[in-house]
């Protein structure tokens, strides 16, 4: 059976009427007949014309679904730059492929929801005057402060492992915004602990503290949107 290079494979991306080819473990399949690959993209995430061996390891279905389609060629792998990693990590990733992509999406939701909650409970306190809302906001702020470094660490890990730490606009923005978010969390948490009455009575200090709390919401929204754009890229018309 003939073999094609990764460059030749990339030409069959399903765009402009081209055939839809994908590769898995050295085999190239023609999935043009699949309705799930119309336009050369599957689930708004996987793109035709590429080797999906790693992606299929963490997919909800097995590679047996590809046997329904014509096996038209073998894939001639080209030398690519690979990051060095400890042997123990390499064995762990081979045993549990989900650890290659899932740690960051799994951990990043904690600071997002805690920052949402911090802002919302603070606003509920200002509206109702109920002290329990203000204390809950503090608890959420503390939990968010605990999980933010974890999310940042897994983000750097995912960037290093899956993107070889190459410069990416979305990642660069995320790094800066995450650092700003962490700084705001630290300042707000220390401020609230050292001055439990910062929100009452209303004062200039109250306004400044409230601005910090309100900034948490848009920061995590932007961070989440940028992360989603990497995980689920939107196809431009």
C-alpha atoms as a PDB file:
ATOM      1  CA  UNK A   1       0.000   0.000   0.000  1.00  0.00           C
ATOM      2  CA  UNK A   2       1.237   3.455  -0.840  1.00  0.00           C
ATOM      3  CA  UNK A   3       2.322   5.878   1.842  1.00  0.00           C
ATOM      4  CA  UNK A   4       1.717   9.609   2.060  1.00  0.00           C
ATOM      5  CA  UNK A   5       3.496  12.236   4.105  1.00  0.00           C
ATOM      6  CA  UNK A   6       1.894  14.398   6.762  1.00  0.00           C
ATOM      7  CA  UNK A   7       2.179  17.320   4.354  1.00  0.00           C
ATOM      8  CA  UNK A   8       0.261  15.415   1.683  1.00  0.00           C
ATOM      9  CA  UNK A   9      -2.285  14.345   4.290  1.00  0.00           C
ATOM     10  CA  UNK A  10      -2.898  17.970   5.269  1.00  0.00           C
ATOM     11  CA  UNK A  11      -4.098  18.730   1.737  1.00  0.00           C
ATOM     12  CA  UNK A  12      -7.147  16.495   2.208  1.00  0.00           C
ATOM     13  CA  UNK A  13      -8.829  18.707   4.774  1.00  0.00           C
ATOM     14  CA  UNK A  14     -12.377  18.606   3.413  1.00  0.00           C
ATOM     15  CA  UNK A  15     -12.363  22.248   2.384  1.00  0.00           C
ATOM     16  CA  UNK A  16     -13.369  23.514  -1.054  1.00  0.00           C
ATOM     17  CA  UNK A  17     -14.686  20.100  -2.063  1.00  0.00           C
ATOM     18  CA  UNK A  18     -11.529  18.194  -1.155  1.00  0.00           C
ATOM     19  CA  UNK A  19     -11.645  14.673   0.243  1.00  0.00           C
ATOM     20  CA  UNK A  20     -11.620  14.192   4.008  1.00  0.00           C
ATOM     21  CA  UNK A  21      -8.644  12.137   5.197  1.00  0.00           C
ATOM     22  CA  UNK A  22      -7.611  11.412   8.763  1.00  0.00           C
ATOM     23  CA  UNK A  23      -4.805   9.261  10.125  1.00  0.00           C
ATOM     24  CA  UNK A  24      -4.641   6.896  13.070  1.00  0.00           C
ATOM     25  CA  UNK A  25      -1.629   4.824  14.125  1.00  0.00           C
ATOM     26  CA  UNK A  26      -0.002   5.026  10.723  1.00  0.00           C
ATOM     27  CA  UNK A  27      -3.171   4.334   8.722  1.00  0.00           C
ATOM     28  CA  UNK A  28      -4.939   6.912   6.569  1.00  0.00           C
ATOM     29  CA  UNK A  29      -8.721   6.684   6.234  1.00  0.00           C
ATOM     30  CA  UNK A  30     -11.059   8.426   3.794  1.00  0.00           C
ATOM     31  CA  UNK A  31     -14.050   9.582   5.866  1.00  0.00           C
ATOM     32  CA  UNK A  32     -15.544  11.809   3.177  1.00  0.00           C
ATOM     33  CA  UNK A  33     -18.780   9.807   3.306  1.00  0.00           C
ATOM     34  CA  UNK A  34     -19.315  10.532   6.993  1.00  0.00           C
ATOM     35  CA  UNK A  35     -21.880  13.197   7.842  1.00  0.00           C
ATOM     36  CA  UNK A  36     -19.937  13.815  11.049  1.00  0.00           C
ATOM     37  CA  UNK A  37     -16.971  15.114   9.040  1.00  0.00           C
ATOM     38  CA  UNK A  38     -18.747  17.572   6.758  1.00  0.00           C
ATOM     39  CA  UNK A  39     -16.496  20.500   5.953  1.00  0.00           C
ATOM     40  CA  UNK A  40     -13.490  18.644   7.331  1.00  0.00           C
ATOM     41  CA  UNK A  41     -14.219  19.217  11.009  1.00  0.00           C
ATOM     42  CA  UNK A  42     -15.679  16.889  13.632  1.00  0.00           C
ATOM     43  CA  UNK A  43     -17.406  18.106  16.802  1.00  0.00           C
ATOM     44  CA  UNK A  44     -16.007  21.608  16.177  1.00  0.00           C
ATOM     45  CA  UNK A  45     -12.692  20.310  17.476  1.00  0.00           C
ATOM     46  CA  UNK A  46     -10.990  17.694  15.303  1.00  0.00           C
ATOM     47  CA  UNK A  47      -9.734  18.745  11.888  1.00  0.00           C
ATOM     48  CA  UNK A  48      -9.292  16.571   8.819  1.00  0.00           C
ATOM     49  CA  UNK A  49      -5.930  16.270   7.147  1.00  0.00           C
ATOM     50  CA  UNK A  50      -4.178  15.444  10.414  1.00  0.00           C
ATOM     51  CA  UNK A  51      -3.012  12.535  12.552  1.00  0.00           C
ATOM     52  CA  UNK A  52      -5.634  11.958  15.249  1.00  0.00           C
ATOM     53  CA  UNK A  53      -3.911   9.098  17.057  1.00  0.00           C
ATOM     54  CA  UNK A  54      -3.589  11.017  20.323  1.00  0.00           C
ATOM     55  CA  UNK A  55      -7.076  12.526  20.074  1.00  0.00           C
ATOM     56  CA  UNK A  56      -8.724   9.133  19.643  1.00  0.00           C
ATOM     57  CA  UNK A  57      -7.081   7.836  22.804  1.00  0.00           C
ATOM     58  CA  UNK A  58      -9.281  10.140  24.855  1.00  0.00           C
ATOM     59  CA  UNK A  59     -12.369  10.035  22.604  1.00  0.00           C
ATOM     60  CA  UNK A  60     -15.700   8.560  23.824  1.00  0.00           C
ATOM     61  CA  UNK A  61     -15.489   5.952  21.038  1.00  0.00           C
ATOM     62  CA  UNK A  62     -12.729   3.609  19.971  1.00  0.00           C
ATOM     63  CA  UNK A  63     -10.711   3.531  16.725  1.00  0.00           C
ATOM     64  CA  UNK A  64     -12.884   0.669  15.473  1.00  0.00           C
ATOM     65  CA  UNK A  65     -15.301   3.238  14.024  1.00  0.00           C
ATOM     66  CA  UNK A  66     -12.667   4.038  11.394  1.00  0.00           C
ATOM     67  CA  UNK A  67     -12.880   0.495  10.019  1.00  0.00           C
ATOM     68  CA  UNK A  68     -16.186   1.482   8.423  1.00  0.00           C
ATOM     69  CA  UNK A  69     -14.302   3.693   5.986  1.00  0.00           C
ATOM     70  CA  UNK A  70     -11.746   2.961   3.254  1.00  0.00           C
ATOM     71  CA  UNK A  71      -8.154   2.517   4.401  1.00  0.00           C
ATOM     72  CA  UNK A  72      -6.481   4.222   1.470  1.00  0.00           C
ATOM     73  CA  UNK A  73      -2.846   4.661   2.496  1.00  0.00           C
ATOM     74  CA  UNK A  74      -0.209   4.439   5.178  1.00  0.00           C
ATOM     75  CA  UNK A  75       1.185   7.508   6.906  1.00  0.00           C
ATOM     76  CA  UNK A  76       4.857   8.205   6.514  1.00  0.00           C
ATOM     77  CA  UNK A  77       5.705   9.970   9.717  1.00  0.00           C
ATOM     78  CA  UNK A  78       8.152  12.797   9.543  1.00  0.00           C
ATOM     79  CA  UNK A  79      10.583  13.739  12.254  1.00  0.00           C
ATOM     80  CA  UNK A  80       9.023  16.289  14.566  1.00  0.00           C
ATOM     81  CA  UNK A  81      10.384  18.154  17.527  1.00  0.00           C
ATOM     82  CA  UNK A  82       9.372  16.475  20.739  1.00  0.00           C
ATOM     83  CA  UNK A  83       9.872  17.736  24.226  1.00  0.00           C
ATOM     84  CA  UNK A  84      11.916  15.626  26.565  1.00  0.00           C
ATOM     85  CA  UNK A  85      10.044  14.292  29.537  1.00  0.00           C
ATOM     86  CA  UNK A  86      10.869  12.066  32.493  1.00  0.00           C
ATOM     87  CA  UNK A  87      10.487   8.356  31.763  1.00  0.00           C
ATOM     88  CA  UNK A  88       7.953   8.047  34.583  1.00  0.00           C
ATOM     89  CA  UNK A  89       5.758  10.757  33.032  1.00  0.00           C
ATOM     90  CA  UNK A  90       6.017   9.123  29.600  1.00  0.00           C
ATOM     91  CA  UNK A  91       4.863   5.789  31.046  1.00  0.00           C
ATOM     92  CA  UNK A  92       2.026   7.467  32.930  1.00  0.00           C
ATOM     93  CA  UNK A  93       0.781   9.224  29.776  1.00  0.00           C
ATOM     94  CA  UNK A  94       0.934   5.976  27.827  1.00  0.00           C
ATOM     95  CA  UNK A  95      -1.113   4.234  30.493  1.00  0.00           C
ATOM     96  CA  UNK A  96      -3.583   7.105  30.963  1.00  0.00           C
ATOM     97  CA  UNK A  97      -3.839   9.173  27.729  1.00  0.00           C
ATOM     98  CA  UNK A  98      -6.495  11.420  29.299  1.00  0.00           C
ATOM     99  CA  UNK A  99      -3.741  13.001  31.409  1.00  0.00           C
ATOM    100  CA  UNK A 100      -2.359  14.539  28.220  1.00  0.00           C
ATOM    101  CA  UNK A 101      -5.307  16.877  27.686  1.00  0.00           C
ATOM    102  CA  UNK A 102      -7.709  16.749  30.613  1.00  0.00           C
ATOM    103  CA  UNK A 103      -5.905  18.079  33.730  1.00  0.00           C
ATOM    104  CA  UNK A 104      -6.315  21.743  32.797  1.00  0.00           C
ATOM    105  CA  UNK A 105      -9.954  21.631  31.584  1.00  0.00           C
ATOM    106  CA  UNK A 106     -10.768  19.694  34.756  1.00  0.00           C
ATOM    107  CA  UNK A 107      -9.081  22.036  37.245  1.00  0.00           C
ATOM    108  CA  UNK A 108      -9.781  25.379  35.569  1.00  0.00           C
ATOM    109  CA  UNK A 109     -13.507  25.211  36.303  1.00  0.00           C
ATOM    110  CA  UNK A 110     -12.936  25.547  40.051  1.00  0.00           C
ATOM    111  CA  UNK A 111     -11.474  29.092  40.067  1.00  0.00           C
ATOM    112  CA  UNK A 112     -14.008  30.120  37.421  1.00  0.00           C
ATOM    113  CA  UNK A 113     -17.025  29.126  39.491  1.00  0.00           C
ATOM    114  CA  UNK A 114     -15.520  30.406  42.749  1.00  0.00           C
ATOM    115  CA  UNK A 115     -14.806  33.828  41.217  1.00  0.00           C
ATOM    116  CA  UNK A 116     -18.323  33.966  39.788  1.00  0.00           C
ATOM    117  CA  UNK A 117     -19.674  33.121  43.232  1.00  0.00           C
ATOM    118  CA  UNK A 118     -17.470  35.692  44.985  1.00  0.00           C
ATOM    119  CA  UNK A 119     -18.858  38.488  42.830  1.00  0.00           C
ATOM    120  CA  UNK A 120     -22.473  37.286  43.017  1.00  0.00           C
ATOM    121  CA  UNK A 121     -22.535  36.749  46.797  1.00  0.00           C
ATOM    122  CA  UNK A 122     -20.902  40.131  47.378  1.00  0.00           C
ATOM    123  CA  UNK A 123     -23.608  41.801  45.290  1.00  0.00           C
ATOM    124  CA  UNK A 124     -26.299  39.839  47.140  1.00  0.00           C
ATOM    125  CA  UNK A 125     -24.881  41.123  50.425  1.00  0.00           C
ATOM    126  CA  UNK A 126     -24.972  44.723  49.202  1.00  0.00           C
ATOM    127  CA  UNK A 127     -28.571  44.261  48.028  1.00  0.00           C
ATOM    128  CA  UNK A 128     -29.951  42.405  51.060  1.00  0.00           C
ATOM    129  CA  UNK A 129     -27.567  43.353  53.845  1.00  0.00           C
ATOM    130  CA  UNK A 130     -27.459  39.697  54.951  1.00  0.00           C
ATOM    131  CA  UNK A 131     -24.070  39.015  56.524  1.00  0.00           C
ATOM    132  CA  UNK A 132     -24.158  35.339  55.524  1.00  0.00           C
ATOM    133  CA  UNK A 133     -23.817  36.321  51.854  1.00  0.00           C
ATOM    134  CA  UNK A 134     -20.710  38.367  52.624  1.00  0.00           C
ATOM    135  CA  UNK A 135     -19.109  35.506  54.556  1.00  0.00           C
ATOM    136  CA  UNK A 136     -19.907  33.085  51.738  1.00  0.00           C
ATOM    137  CA  UNK A 137     -18.236  35.468  49.294  1.00  0.00           C
ATOM    138  CA  UNK A 138     -15.107  35.374  51.473  1.00  0.00           C
ATOM    139  CA  UNK A 139     -15.145  31.572  51.541  1.00  0.00           C
ATOM    140  CA  UNK A 140     -15.468  31.444  47.747  1.00  0.00           C
ATOM    141  CA  UNK A 141     -12.665  33.980  47.344  1.00  0.00           C
ATOM    142  CA  UNK A 142     -10.410  31.847  49.533  1.00  0.00           C
ATOM    143  CA  UNK A 143     -11.275  28.683  47.607  1.00  0.00           C
ATOM    144  CA  UNK A 144     -10.648  30.454  44.311  1.00  0.00           C
ATOM    145  CA  UNK A 145      -7.287  31.673  45.579  1.00  0.00           C
ATOM    146  CA  UNK A 146      -6.420  28.079  46.456  1.00  0.00           C
ATOM    147  CA  UNK A 147      -7.370  26.641  43.051  1.00  0.00           C
ATOM    148  CA  UNK A 148      -6.079  29.406  40.765  1.00  0.00           C
ATOM    149  CA  UNK A 149      -2.383  28.391  41.070  1.00  0.00           C
ATOM    150  CA  UNK A 150      -3.430  24.778  40.403  1.00  0.00           C
ATOM    151  CA  UNK A 151      -5.249  25.806  37.227  1.00  0.00           C
ATOM    152  CA  UNK A 152      -2.279  27.918  36.147  1.00  0.00           C
ATOM    153  CA  UNK A 153       0.136  25.027  36.739  1.00  0.00           C
ATOM    154  CA  UNK A 154      -1.960  22.572  34.715  1.00  0.00           C
ATOM    155  CA  UNK A 155      -2.297  25.215  32.005  1.00  0.00           C
ATOM    156  CA  UNK A 156       1.466  25.534  31.670  1.00  0.00           C
ATOM    157  CA  UNK A 157       1.727  21.726  31.697  1.00  0.00           C
ATOM    158  CA  UNK A 158      -0.816  21.369  28.881  1.00  0.00           C
ATOM    159  CA  UNK A 159       0.867  24.115  26.856  1.00  0.00           C
ATOM    160  CA  UNK A 160       4.267  22.452  27.254  1.00  0.00           C
ATOM    161  CA  UNK A 161       3.029  18.930  26.559  1.00  0.00           C
ATOM    162  CA  UNK A 162       0.631  19.501  23.659  1.00  0.00           C
ATOM    163  CA  UNK A 163       1.943  22.686  22.031  1.00  0.00           C
ATOM    164  CA  UNK A 164       5.692  22.363  22.754  1.00  0.00           C
ATOM    165  CA  UNK A 165       5.489  25.733  24.577  1.00  0.00           C
ATOM    166  CA  UNK A 166       5.380  27.531  21.244  1.00  0.00           C
ATOM    167  CA  UNK A 167       4.210  31.159  21.252  1.00  0.00           C
ATOM    168  CA  UNK A 168       0.431  31.399  20.897  1.00  0.00           C
ATOM    169  CA  UNK A 169      -1.564  34.621  21.125  1.00  0.00           C
ATOM    170  CA  UNK A 170      -4.370  33.099  23.203  1.00  0.00           C
ATOM    171  CA  UNK A 171      -1.902  31.503  25.620  1.00  0.00           C
ATOM    172  CA  UNK A 172       0.096  34.720  25.978  1.00  0.00           C
ATOM    173  CA  UNK A 173      -3.058  36.670  26.855  1.00  0.00           C
ATOM    174  CA  UNK A 174      -4.167  33.949  29.261  1.00  0.00           C
ATOM    175  CA  UNK A 175      -0.820  34.019  31.078  1.00  0.00           C
ATOM    176  CA  UNK A 176      -1.033  37.775  31.673  1.00  0.00           C
ATOM    177  CA  UNK A 177      -4.697  37.729  32.689  1.00  0.00           C
ATOM    178  CA  UNK A 178      -4.176  34.761  35.013  1.00  0.00           C
ATOM    179  CA  UNK A 179      -1.338  36.605  36.759  1.00  0.00           C
ATOM    180  CA  UNK A 180      -3.541  39.701  37.136  1.00  0.00           C
ATOM    181  CA  UNK A 181      -6.397  37.543  38.449  1.00  0.00           C
ATOM    182  CA  UNK A 182      -4.163  35.908  41.044  1.00  0.00           C
ATOM    183  CA  UNK A 183      -2.832  39.287  42.214  1.00  0.00           C
ATOM    184  CA  UNK A 184      -6.358  40.659  42.621  1.00  0.00           C
ATOM    185  CA  UNK A 185      -7.414  37.550  44.551  1.00  0.00           C
ATOM    186  CA  UNK A 186      -4.470  37.881  46.938  1.00  0.00           C
ATOM    187  CA  UNK A 187      -5.011  41.606  47.515  1.00  0.00           C
ATOM    188  CA  UNK A 188      -8.771  41.243  48.026  1.00  0.00           C
ATOM    189  CA  UNK A 189      -8.411  38.245  50.344  1.00  0.00           C
ATOM    190  CA  UNK A 190      -5.765  39.866  52.559  1.00  0.00           C
ATOM    191  CA  UNK A 191      -7.743  43.124  52.592  1.00  0.00           C
ATOM    192  CA  UNK A 192     -10.948  41.377  53.654  1.00  0.00           C
ATOM    193  CA  UNK A 193      -9.202  39.289  56.345  1.00  0.00           C
ATOM    194  CA  UNK A 194      -7.448  42.326  57.805  1.00  0.00           C
ATOM    195  CA  UNK A 195     -10.578  44.493  57.636  1.00  0.00           C
ATOM    196  CA  UNK A 196     -13.790  42.423  58.018  1.00  0.00           C
ATOM    197  CA  UNK A 197     -15.903  45.598  57.849  1.00  0.00           C
ATOM    198  CA  UNK A 198     -14.491  46.793  54.533  1.00  0.00           C
ATOM    199  CA  UNK A 199     -17.964  46.739  52.943  1.00  0.00           C
ATOM    200  CA  UNK A 200     -19.733  48.542  55.788  1.00  0.00           C
ATOM    201  CA  UNK A 201     -20.096  51.389  56.171  1.00  0.00           C
ATOM    202  CA  UNK A 202     -19.758  52.525  52.568  1.00  0.00           C
ATOM    203  CA  UNK A 203     -16.582  54.493  51.910  1.00  0.00           C
ATOM    204  CA  UNK A 204     -13.850  55.075  49.329  1.00  0.00           C
ATOM    205  CA  UNK A 205     -12.162  51.912  50.601  1.00  0.00           C
ATOM    206  CA  UNK A 206     -15.425  50.052  50.046  1.00  0.00           C
ATOM    207  CA  UNK A 207     -15.570  51.265  46.446  1.00  0.00           C
ATOM    208  CA  UNK A 208     -11.973  50.215  45.793  1.00  0.00           C
ATOM    209  CA  UNK A 209     -12.538  46.770  47.313  1.00  0.00           C
ATOM    210  CA  UNK A 210     -15.753  46.363  45.350  1.00  0.00           C
ATOM    211  CA  UNK A 211     -13.965  47.230  42.092  1.00  0.00           C
ATOM    212  CA  UNK A 212     -11.496  44.413  42.760  1.00  0.00           C
ATOM    213  CA  UNK A 213     -14.324  41.967  43.425  1.00  0.00           C
ATOM    214  CA  UNK A 214     -16.236  43.041  40.308  1.00  0.00           C
ATOM    215  CA  UNK A 215     -13.109  42.630  38.160  1.00  0.00           C
ATOM    216  CA  UNK A 216     -12.986  38.933  39.023  1.00  0.00           C
ATOM    217  CA  UNK A 217     -16.070  38.214  36.920  1.00  0.00           C
ATOM    218  CA  UNK A 218     -14.922  39.581  33.507  1.00  0.00           C
ATOM    219  CA  UNK A 219     -11.400  38.242  34.029  1.00  0.00           C
ATOM    220  CA  UNK A 220     -12.529  34.624  34.390  1.00  0.00           C
ATOM    221  CA  UNK A 221     -15.021  35.062  31.538  1.00  0.00           C
ATOM    222  CA  UNK A 222     -12.236  36.173  29.183  1.00  0.00           C
ATOM    223  CA  UNK A 223      -9.887  33.456  30.434  1.00  0.00           C
ATOM    224  CA  UNK A 224     -12.577  30.823  29.949  1.00  0.00           C
ATOM    225  CA  UNK A 225     -13.423  32.081  26.467  1.00  0.00           C
ATOM    226  CA  UNK A 226      -9.783  32.002  25.381  1.00  0.00           C
ATOM    227  CA  UNK A 227      -9.384  28.495  26.755  1.00  0.00           C
ATOM    228  CA  UNK A 228     -12.514  27.334  24.973  1.00  0.00           C
ATOM    229  CA  UNK A 229     -11.234  28.821  21.706  1.00  0.00           C
ATOM    230  CA  UNK A 230      -8.207  26.516  21.976  1.00  0.00           C
ATOM    231  CA  UNK A 231     -10.162  23.418  22.973  1.00  0.00           C
ATOM    232  CA  UNK A 232     -13.132  23.983  20.665  1.00  0.00           C
ATOM    233  CA  UNK A 233     -11.966  26.292  17.856  1.00  0.00           C
ATOM    234  CA  UNK A 234     -14.793  28.052  16.051  1.00  0.00           C
ATOM    235  CA  UNK A 235     -14.807  27.561  12.317  1.00  0.00           C
ATOM    236  CA  UNK A 236     -14.824  30.903  10.531  1.00  0.00           C
ATOM    237  CA  UNK A 237     -17.259  31.223   7.666  1.00  0.00           C
END
